[in-house]
Amino acid sequence: MISHVSQALERIQIRNREDFLHSLLRHDLKNKNQIIQGYLELLEDHDLSDEVKEFVYRAERAAKDSIEMIRKVRNLRKIEEEEEIDEMDLGSVMDKVLSEHKDQLQEKDIDIDMAECDCKVKGGALLEELFSNLVGNSVKHSDCEEIKVSIRVEEDECMVTIEDDGSGIPDDIKEKIFEKGFKSGTNAGTGLGLYMVREIAESYGGSVEVEDSELGGAGFTVHLRKVKS
């Protein structure tokens, strides 16, 4: 009995140590990346050739992508830690997500059409991250002019569909986009975004699927467990 307790305590100590080192590494890398971005921004104030400007742009994008990857890895660890599931108001979650992307939507002149939502689902804090990734994908990668958010409520679940009128997703990669590390196209991100979307949805007892949008682009439908009133 004592040996089992000792082994359990040792595993807890190892996990706490790993958590500390991961936190330290993320913090250090984030700070280093911010320094890199600062110097790159200073370079933009100089008279650079078009070729050098392109190099600076690519370096800035790589730095931003690495910061985004750090954030996604942190959230993936939260999923592994079995985040506490609670009741979440879906309308409030979507309002926060769209507010977060408001500046990007205005900058790219993208219209948002969102249906009224009166549904509570089983989820946690990462639910906002899930929908932020889907909206962000449409904003950054689809070259769309309109994003539509629709919600369908059934007896046991709420289904949220986020679709756009952009370039869409080819049929031959639809089944691959949720795989860890999968990237496609010149503007591909970290390869973790959609993988994390699927992991978060499944951690809450739900699922996600991709299809062609009626608007002409891509559509993602997230299935979540409804809280019965």
C-alpha atoms as a PDB file:
ATOM      1  CA  MET A   1       0.000   0.000   0.000  1.00  0.00           C
ATOM      2  CA  ILE A   2       2.810   2.381   0.962  1.00  0.00           C
ATOM      3  CA  SER A   3       4.648   1.662  -2.299  1.00  0.00           C
ATOM      4  CA  HIS A   4       1.515   2.481  -4.338  1.00  0.00           C
ATOM      5  CA  VAL A   5       1.109   5.802  -2.483  1.00  0.00           C
ATOM      6  CA  SER A   6       4.785   6.570  -3.015  1.00  0.00           C
ATOM      7  CA  GLN A   7       4.522   5.854  -6.735  1.00  0.00           C
ATOM      8  CA  ALA A   8       1.412   8.048  -7.015  1.00  0.00           C
ATOM      9  CA  LEU A   9       3.170  10.919  -5.235  1.00  0.00           C
ATOM     10  CA  GLU A  10       6.181  10.504  -7.499  1.00  0.00           C
ATOM     11  CA  ARG A  11       3.962  10.683 -10.613  1.00  0.00           C
ATOM     12  CA  ILE A  12       2.315  13.851  -9.271  1.00  0.00           C
ATOM     13  CA  GLN A  13       5.724  15.417  -8.613  1.00  0.00           C
ATOM     14  CA  ILE A  14       6.922  14.520 -12.115  1.00  0.00           C
ATOM     15  CA  ARG A  15       3.750  15.981 -13.676  1.00  0.00           C
ATOM     16  CA  ASN A  16       4.069  19.172 -11.616  1.00  0.00           C
ATOM     17  CA  ARG A  17       7.679  19.467 -12.707  1.00  0.00           C
ATOM     18  CA  GLU A  18       6.706  18.982 -16.360  1.00  0.00           C
ATOM     19  CA  ASP A  19       3.974  21.615 -16.027  1.00  0.00           C
ATOM     20  CA  PHE A  20       6.469  24.049 -14.520  1.00  0.00           C
ATOM     21  CA  LEU A  21       9.041  23.463 -17.270  1.00  0.00           C
ATOM     22  CA  HIS A  22       6.398  23.784 -20.015  1.00  0.00           C
ATOM     23  CA  SER A  23       5.185  27.039 -18.468  1.00  0.00           C
ATOM     24  CA  LEU A  24       8.733  28.364 -18.210  1.00  0.00           C
ATOM     25  CA  LEU A  25       9.510  27.370 -21.798  1.00  0.00           C
ATOM     26  CA  ARG A  26       6.333  28.974 -23.158  1.00  0.00           C
ATOM     27  CA  HIS A  27       7.019  32.191 -21.218  1.00  0.00           C
ATOM     28  CA  ASP A  28      10.643  32.376 -22.388  1.00  0.00           C
ATOM     29  CA  LEU A  29       9.800  31.647 -26.037  1.00  0.00           C
ATOM     30  CA  LYS A  30       6.983  34.185 -26.010  1.00  0.00           C
ATOM     31  CA  ASN A  31       9.303  36.891 -24.668  1.00  0.00           C
ATOM     32  CA  LYS A  32      12.006  36.049 -27.213  1.00  0.00           C
ATOM     33  CA  ASN A  33       9.473  36.197 -30.049  1.00  0.00           C
ATOM     34  CA  GLN A  34       8.201  39.577 -28.887  1.00  0.00           C
ATOM     35  CA  ILE A  35      11.779  40.894 -28.983  1.00  0.00           C
ATOM     36  CA  ILE A  36      12.208  39.548 -32.522  1.00  0.00           C
ATOM     37  CA  GLN A  37       8.951  41.192 -33.618  1.00  0.00           C
ATOM     38  CA  GLY A  38      10.069  44.485 -32.063  1.00  0.00           C
ATOM     39  CA  TYR A  39      13.316  44.538 -34.054  1.00  0.00           C
ATOM     40  CA  LEU A  40      11.501  43.568 -37.253  1.00  0.00           C
ATOM     41  CA  GLU A  41       9.051  46.448 -36.759  1.00  0.00           C
ATOM     42  CA  LEU A  42      12.005  48.826 -36.334  1.00  0.00           C
ATOM     43  CA  LEU A  43      13.387  47.591 -39.657  1.00  0.00           C
ATOM     44  CA  GLU A  44      10.155  48.639 -41.362  1.00  0.00           C
ATOM     45  CA  ASP A  45      10.992  52.282 -40.570  1.00  0.00           C
ATOM     46  CA  HIS A  46      14.091  52.087 -42.784  1.00  0.00           C
ATOM     47  CA  ASP A  47      14.336  52.473 -46.536  1.00  0.00           C
ATOM     48  CA  LEU A  48      14.353  48.828 -47.584  1.00  0.00           C
ATOM     49  CA  SER A  49      14.318  47.260 -51.011  1.00  0.00           C
ATOM     50  CA  ASP A  50      11.201  45.321 -52.026  1.00  0.00           C
ATOM     51  CA  GLU A  51      13.130  42.062 -51.672  1.00  0.00           C
ATOM     52  CA  VAL A  52      14.240  42.868 -48.108  1.00  0.00           C
ATOM     53  CA  LYS A  53      10.699  44.014 -47.206  1.00  0.00           C
ATOM     54  CA  GLU A  54       9.462  40.582 -48.288  1.00  0.00           C
ATOM     55  CA  PHE A  55      12.079  38.920 -46.050  1.00  0.00           C
ATOM     56  CA  VAL A  56      10.988  41.063 -43.102  1.00  0.00           C
ATOM     57  CA  TYR A  57       7.339  40.222 -43.766  1.00  0.00           C
ATOM     58  CA  ARG A  58       8.067  36.482 -43.823  1.00  0.00           C
ATOM     59  CA  ALA A  59      10.105  36.723 -40.616  1.00  0.00           C
ATOM     60  CA  GLU A  60       7.276  38.620 -38.873  1.00  0.00           C
ATOM     61  CA  ARG A  61       4.757  36.008 -39.967  1.00  0.00           C
ATOM     62  CA  ALA A  62       6.992  33.177 -38.723  1.00  0.00           C
ATOM     63  CA  ALA A  63       7.342  34.911 -35.335  1.00  0.00           C
ATOM     64  CA  LYS A  64       3.580  35.385 -35.060  1.00  0.00           C
ATOM     65  CA  ASP A  65       2.967  31.761 -36.068  1.00  0.00           C
ATOM     66  CA  SER A  66       5.326  30.531 -33.361  1.00  0.00           C
ATOM     67  CA  ILE A  67       3.515  32.583 -30.707  1.00  0.00           C
ATOM     68  CA  GLU A  68       0.221  31.164 -31.974  1.00  0.00           C
ATOM     69  CA  MET A  69       1.646  27.641 -31.762  1.00  0.00           C
ATOM     70  CA  ILE A  70       2.705  28.221 -28.142  1.00  0.00           C
ATOM     71  CA  ARG A  71      -0.843  29.310 -27.304  1.00  0.00           C
ATOM     72  CA  LYS A  72      -2.376  26.298 -29.034  1.00  0.00           C
ATOM     73  CA  VAL A  73      -0.014  23.841 -27.321  1.00  0.00           C
ATOM     74  CA  ARG A  74      -0.965  25.365 -23.968  1.00  0.00           C
ATOM     75  CA  ASN A  75      -4.634  24.837 -24.748  1.00  0.00           C
ATOM     76  CA  LEU A  76      -4.029  21.274 -25.914  1.00  0.00           C
ATOM     77  CA  ARG A  77      -2.438  20.567 -22.541  1.00  0.00           C
ATOM     78  CA  LYS A  78      -5.577  21.929 -20.886  1.00  0.00           C
ATOM     79  CA  ILE A  79      -7.615  19.375 -22.830  1.00  0.00           C
ATOM     80  CA  GLU A  80      -5.283  16.587 -21.688  1.00  0.00           C
ATOM     81  CA  GLU A  81      -5.769  17.717 -18.096  1.00  0.00           C
ATOM     82  CA  GLU A  82      -9.483  16.927 -18.407  1.00  0.00           C
ATOM     83  CA  GLU A  83     -10.934  20.409 -18.153  1.00  0.00           C
ATOM     84  CA  GLU A  84     -13.982  20.698 -15.921  1.00  0.00           C
ATOM     85  CA  ILE A  85     -17.233  20.564 -17.881  1.00  0.00           C
ATOM     86  CA  ASP A  86     -19.987  22.978 -16.933  1.00  0.00           C
ATOM     87  CA  GLU A  87     -23.078  24.641 -18.423  1.00  0.00           C
ATOM     88  CA  MET A  88     -22.168  27.214 -21.075  1.00  0.00           C
ATOM     89  CA  ASP A  89     -24.471  29.767 -22.689  1.00  0.00           C
ATOM     90  CA  LEU A  90     -23.817  29.339 -26.396  1.00  0.00           C
ATOM     91  CA  GLY A  91     -25.065  32.817 -27.308  1.00  0.00           C
ATOM     92  CA  SER A  92     -22.654  34.483 -24.867  1.00  0.00           C
ATOM     93  CA  VAL A  93     -19.762  32.395 -26.173  1.00  0.00           C
ATOM     94  CA  MET A  94     -20.461  33.378 -29.794  1.00  0.00           C
ATOM     95  CA  ASP A  95     -20.856  37.062 -28.853  1.00  0.00           C
ATOM     96  CA  LYS A  96     -17.387  37.008 -27.250  1.00  0.00           C
ATOM     97  CA  VAL A  97     -15.867  35.261 -30.264  1.00  0.00           C
ATOM     98  CA  LEU A  98     -17.297  37.722 -32.788  1.00  0.00           C
ATOM     99  CA  SER A  99     -16.280  40.656 -30.578  1.00  0.00           C
ATOM    100  CA  GLU A 100     -12.728  39.267 -30.517  1.00  0.00           C
ATOM    101  CA  HIS A 101     -12.623  39.237 -34.340  1.00  0.00           C
ATOM    102  CA  LYS A 102     -14.471  42.545 -34.818  1.00  0.00           C
ATOM    103  CA  ASP A 103     -11.425  44.537 -35.976  1.00  0.00           C
ATOM    104  CA  GLN A 104     -10.330  41.852 -38.446  1.00  0.00           C
ATOM    105  CA  LEU A 105     -13.845  41.577 -39.865  1.00  0.00           C
ATOM    106  CA  GLN A 106     -14.065  45.344 -40.366  1.00  0.00           C
ATOM    107  CA  GLU A 107     -10.577  45.562 -41.832  1.00  0.00           C
ATOM    108  CA  LYS A 108     -11.401  42.922 -44.454  1.00  0.00           C
ATOM    109  CA  ASP A 109     -14.948  44.241 -44.942  1.00  0.00           C
ATOM    110  CA  ILE A 110     -16.515  40.867 -44.098  1.00  0.00           C
ATOM    111  CA  ASP A 111     -20.219  40.785 -43.265  1.00  0.00           C
ATOM    112  CA  ILE A 112     -21.424  38.629 -40.358  1.00  0.00           C
ATOM    113  CA  ASP A 113     -24.861  37.051 -40.331  1.00  0.00           C
ATOM    114  CA  MET A 114     -25.560  35.432 -36.950  1.00  0.00           C
ATOM    115  CA  ALA A 115     -28.798  33.808 -35.879  1.00  0.00           C
ATOM    116  CA  GLU A 116     -30.308  34.247 -32.424  1.00  0.00           C
ATOM    117  CA  CYS A 117     -29.127  31.610 -29.991  1.00  0.00           C
ATOM    118  CA  ASP A 118     -30.905  30.479 -26.852  1.00  0.00           C
ATOM    119  CA  CYS A 119     -29.178  27.237 -25.952  1.00  0.00           C
ATOM    120  CA  LYS A 120     -27.032  26.030 -23.064  1.00  0.00           C
ATOM    121  CA  VAL A 121     -24.515  23.299 -23.756  1.00  0.00           C
ATOM    122  CA  LYS A 122     -22.052  21.170 -21.827  1.00  0.00           C
ATOM    123  CA  GLY A 123     -18.593  22.641 -22.188  1.00  0.00           C
ATOM    124  CA  GLY A 124     -15.873  24.757 -20.640  1.00  0.00           C
ATOM    125  CA  ALA A 125     -13.591  27.747 -21.175  1.00  0.00           C
ATOM    126  CA  LEU A 126     -12.053  26.224 -24.318  1.00  0.00           C
ATOM    127  CA  LEU A 127     -15.409  26.396 -26.113  1.00  0.00           C
ATOM    128  CA  GLU A 128     -14.588  30.000 -26.981  1.00  0.00           C
ATOM    129  CA  GLU A 129     -11.240  28.850 -28.400  1.00  0.00           C
ATOM    130  CA  LEU A 130     -13.028  26.272 -30.566  1.00  0.00           C
ATOM    131  CA  PHE A 131     -15.306  28.799 -32.268  1.00  0.00           C
ATOM    132  CA  SER A 132     -12.594  31.461 -32.426  1.00  0.00           C
ATOM    133  CA  ASN A 133     -10.489  29.065 -34.499  1.00  0.00           C
ATOM    134  CA  LEU A 134     -13.332  28.416 -36.939  1.00  0.00           C
ATOM    135  CA  VAL A 135     -14.218  32.092 -37.386  1.00  0.00           C
ATOM    136  CA  GLY A 136     -10.517  32.967 -37.593  1.00  0.00           C
ATOM    137  CA  ASN A 137      -9.993  30.399 -40.360  1.00  0.00           C
ATOM    138  CA  SER A 138     -12.698  32.008 -42.474  1.00  0.00           C
ATOM    139  CA  VAL A 139     -11.288  35.482 -41.855  1.00  0.00           C
ATOM    140  CA  LYS A 140      -7.652  34.609 -42.539  1.00  0.00           C
ATOM    141  CA  HIS A 141      -7.718  31.872 -45.147  1.00  0.00           C
ATOM    142  CA  SER A 142     -10.970  31.750 -47.116  1.00  0.00           C
ATOM    143  CA  ASP A 143     -10.879  35.112 -48.937  1.00  0.00           C
ATOM    144  CA  CYS A 144     -14.585  35.490 -48.113  1.00  0.00           C
ATOM    145  CA  GLU A 145     -16.972  38.440 -48.048  1.00  0.00           C
ATOM    146  CA  GLU A 146     -19.596  36.895 -45.765  1.00  0.00           C
ATOM    147  CA  ILE A 147     -19.616  34.592 -42.745  1.00  0.00           C
ATOM    148  CA  LYS A 148     -22.863  33.048 -41.566  1.00  0.00           C
ATOM    149  CA  VAL A 149     -23.431  31.511 -38.122  1.00  0.00           C
ATOM    150  CA  SER A 150     -26.564  29.381 -37.809  1.00  0.00           C
ATOM    151  CA  ILE A 151     -27.780  27.274 -34.887  1.00  0.00           C
ATOM    152  CA  ARG A 152     -30.089  24.285 -34.873  1.00  0.00           C
ATOM    153  CA  VAL A 153     -31.442  22.852 -31.635  1.00  0.00           C
ATOM    154  CA  GLU A 154     -32.638  19.287 -31.265  1.00  0.00           C
ATOM    155  CA  GLU A 155     -33.698  17.284 -28.225  1.00  0.00           C
ATOM    156  CA  ASP A 156     -30.211  16.256 -27.104  1.00  0.00           C
ATOM    157  CA  GLU A 157     -27.840  18.590 -28.916  1.00  0.00           C
ATOM    158  CA  CYS A 158     -27.147  22.038 -30.298  1.00  0.00           C
ATOM    159  CA  MET A 159     -25.526  22.264 -33.724  1.00  0.00           C
ATOM    160  CA  VAL A 160     -23.609  25.399 -34.674  1.00  0.00           C
ATOM    161  CA  THR A 161     -22.687  25.876 -38.326  1.00  0.00           C
ATOM    162  CA  ILE A 162     -20.076  28.452 -39.343  1.00  0.00           C
ATOM    163  CA  GLU A 163     -19.890  28.877 -43.103  1.00  0.00           C
ATOM    164  CA  ASP A 164     -18.524  31.387 -45.607  1.00  0.00           C
ATOM    165  CA  ASP A 165     -18.655  32.311 -49.274  1.00  0.00           C
ATOM    166  CA  GLY A 166     -14.914  31.968 -49.763  1.00  0.00           C
ATOM    167  CA  SER A 167     -12.638  29.627 -51.672  1.00  0.00           C
ATOM    168  CA  GLY A 168     -13.807  26.445 -49.913  1.00  0.00           C
ATOM    169  CA  ILE A 169     -11.894  23.260 -49.082  1.00  0.00           C
ATOM    170  CA  PRO A 170     -11.055  20.684 -51.798  1.00  0.00           C
ATOM    171  CA  ASP A 171     -12.780  17.324 -51.379  1.00  0.00           C
ATOM    172  CA  ASP A 172      -9.475  15.428 -51.350  1.00  0.00           C
ATOM    173  CA  ILE A 173      -8.314  17.091 -48.116  1.00  0.00           C
ATOM    174  CA  LYS A 174     -11.613  17.389 -46.218  1.00  0.00           C
ATOM    175  CA  GLU A 175     -10.857  14.236 -44.210  1.00  0.00           C
ATOM    176  CA  LYS A 176      -7.283  15.354 -43.488  1.00  0.00           C
ATOM    177  CA  ILE A 177      -7.782  18.866 -42.143  1.00  0.00           C
ATOM    178  CA  PHE A 178      -8.492  17.700 -38.585  1.00  0.00           C
ATOM    179  CA  GLU A 179      -5.267  15.685 -38.403  1.00  0.00           C
ATOM    180  CA  LYS A 180      -2.540  16.955 -36.103  1.00  0.00           C
ATOM    181  CA  GLY A 181       0.011  19.024 -38.022  1.00  0.00           C
ATOM    182  CA  PHE A 182      -1.820  18.972 -41.364  1.00  0.00           C
ATOM    183  CA  LYS A 183      -1.126  22.059 -43.480  1.00  0.00           C
ATOM    184  CA  SER A 184      -2.248  23.089 -46.938  1.00  0.00           C
ATOM    185  CA  GLY A 185      -1.647  26.158 -49.092  1.00  0.00           C
ATOM    186  CA  THR A 186       0.836  29.029 -48.932  1.00  0.00           C
ATOM    187  CA  ASN A 187      -0.981  30.731 -46.035  1.00  0.00           C
ATOM    188  CA  ALA A 188      -1.171  27.620 -43.845  1.00  0.00           C
ATOM    189  CA  GLY A 189      -0.894  28.217 -40.111  1.00  0.00           C
ATOM    190  CA  THR A 190       0.465  25.985 -37.355  1.00  0.00           C
ATOM    191  CA  GLY A 191      -1.392  22.834 -38.394  1.00  0.00           C
ATOM    192  CA  LEU A 192      -2.893  22.636 -34.907  1.00  0.00           C
ATOM    193  CA  GLY A 193      -5.993  24.836 -35.185  1.00  0.00           C
ATOM    194  CA  LEU A 194      -8.536  22.422 -36.637  1.00  0.00           C
ATOM    195  CA  TYR A 195      -6.974  19.481 -34.803  1.00  0.00           C
ATOM    196  CA  MET A 196      -7.607  21.409 -31.584  1.00  0.00           C
ATOM    197  CA  VAL A 197     -11.175  22.210 -32.671  1.00  0.00           C
ATOM    198  CA  ARG A 198     -11.886  18.488 -32.991  1.00  0.00           C
ATOM    199  CA  GLU A 199     -10.145  17.645 -29.708  1.00  0.00           C
ATOM    200  CA  ILE A 200     -12.089  20.302 -27.781  1.00  0.00           C
ATOM    201  CA  ALA A 201     -15.436  19.252 -29.283  1.00  0.00           C
ATOM    202  CA  GLU A 202     -14.803  15.586 -28.470  1.00  0.00           C
ATOM    203  CA  SER A 203     -13.613  16.420 -24.940  1.00  0.00           C
ATOM    204  CA  TYR A 204     -17.086  17.910 -24.349  1.00  0.00           C
ATOM    205  CA  GLY A 205     -18.823  14.840 -25.768  1.00  0.00           C
ATOM    206  CA  GLY A 206     -19.454  16.480 -29.139  1.00  0.00           C
ATOM    207  CA  SER A 207     -18.036  16.377 -32.656  1.00  0.00           C
ATOM    208  CA  VAL A 208     -17.233  18.546 -35.673  1.00  0.00           C
ATOM    209  CA  GLU A 209     -17.635  17.993 -39.398  1.00  0.00           C
ATOM    210  CA  VAL A 210     -16.750  19.911 -42.553  1.00  0.00           C
ATOM    211  CA  GLU A 211     -18.873  20.274 -45.673  1.00  0.00           C
ATOM    212  CA  ASP A 212     -19.410  22.572 -48.628  1.00  0.00           C
ATOM    213  CA  SER A 213     -21.268  25.735 -47.679  1.00  0.00           C
ATOM    214  CA  GLU A 214     -24.516  26.780 -49.329  1.00  0.00           C
ATOM    215  CA  LEU A 215     -22.812  30.176 -49.661  1.00  0.00           C
ATOM    216  CA  GLY A 216     -20.176  28.627 -51.912  1.00  0.00           C
ATOM    217  CA  GLY A 217     -17.258  28.232 -49.496  1.00  0.00           C
ATOM    218  CA  ALA A 218     -16.611  25.958 -46.517  1.00  0.00           C
ATOM    219  CA  GLY A 219     -18.949  25.067 -43.677  1.00  0.00           C
ATOM    220  CA  PHE A 220     -18.121  23.591 -40.266  1.00  0.00           C
ATOM    221  CA  THR A 221     -20.831  22.141 -38.043  1.00  0.00           C
ATOM    222  CA  VAL A 222     -20.094  21.633 -34.351  1.00  0.00           C
ATOM    223  CA  HIS A 223     -22.316  19.226 -32.409  1.00  0.00           C
ATOM    224  CA  LEU A 224     -22.528  19.870 -28.654  1.00  0.00           C
ATOM    225  CA  ARG A 225     -24.516  18.207 -25.907  1.00  0.00           C
ATOM    226  CA  LYS A 226     -27.534  20.274 -24.904  1.00  0.00           C
ATOM    227  CA  VAL A 227     -28.241  21.021 -21.247  1.00  0.00           C
ATOM    228  CA  LYS A 228     -31.778  19.873 -20.576  1.00  0.00           C
ATOM    229  CA  SER A 229     -33.942  22.421 -18.807  1.00  0.00           C
END
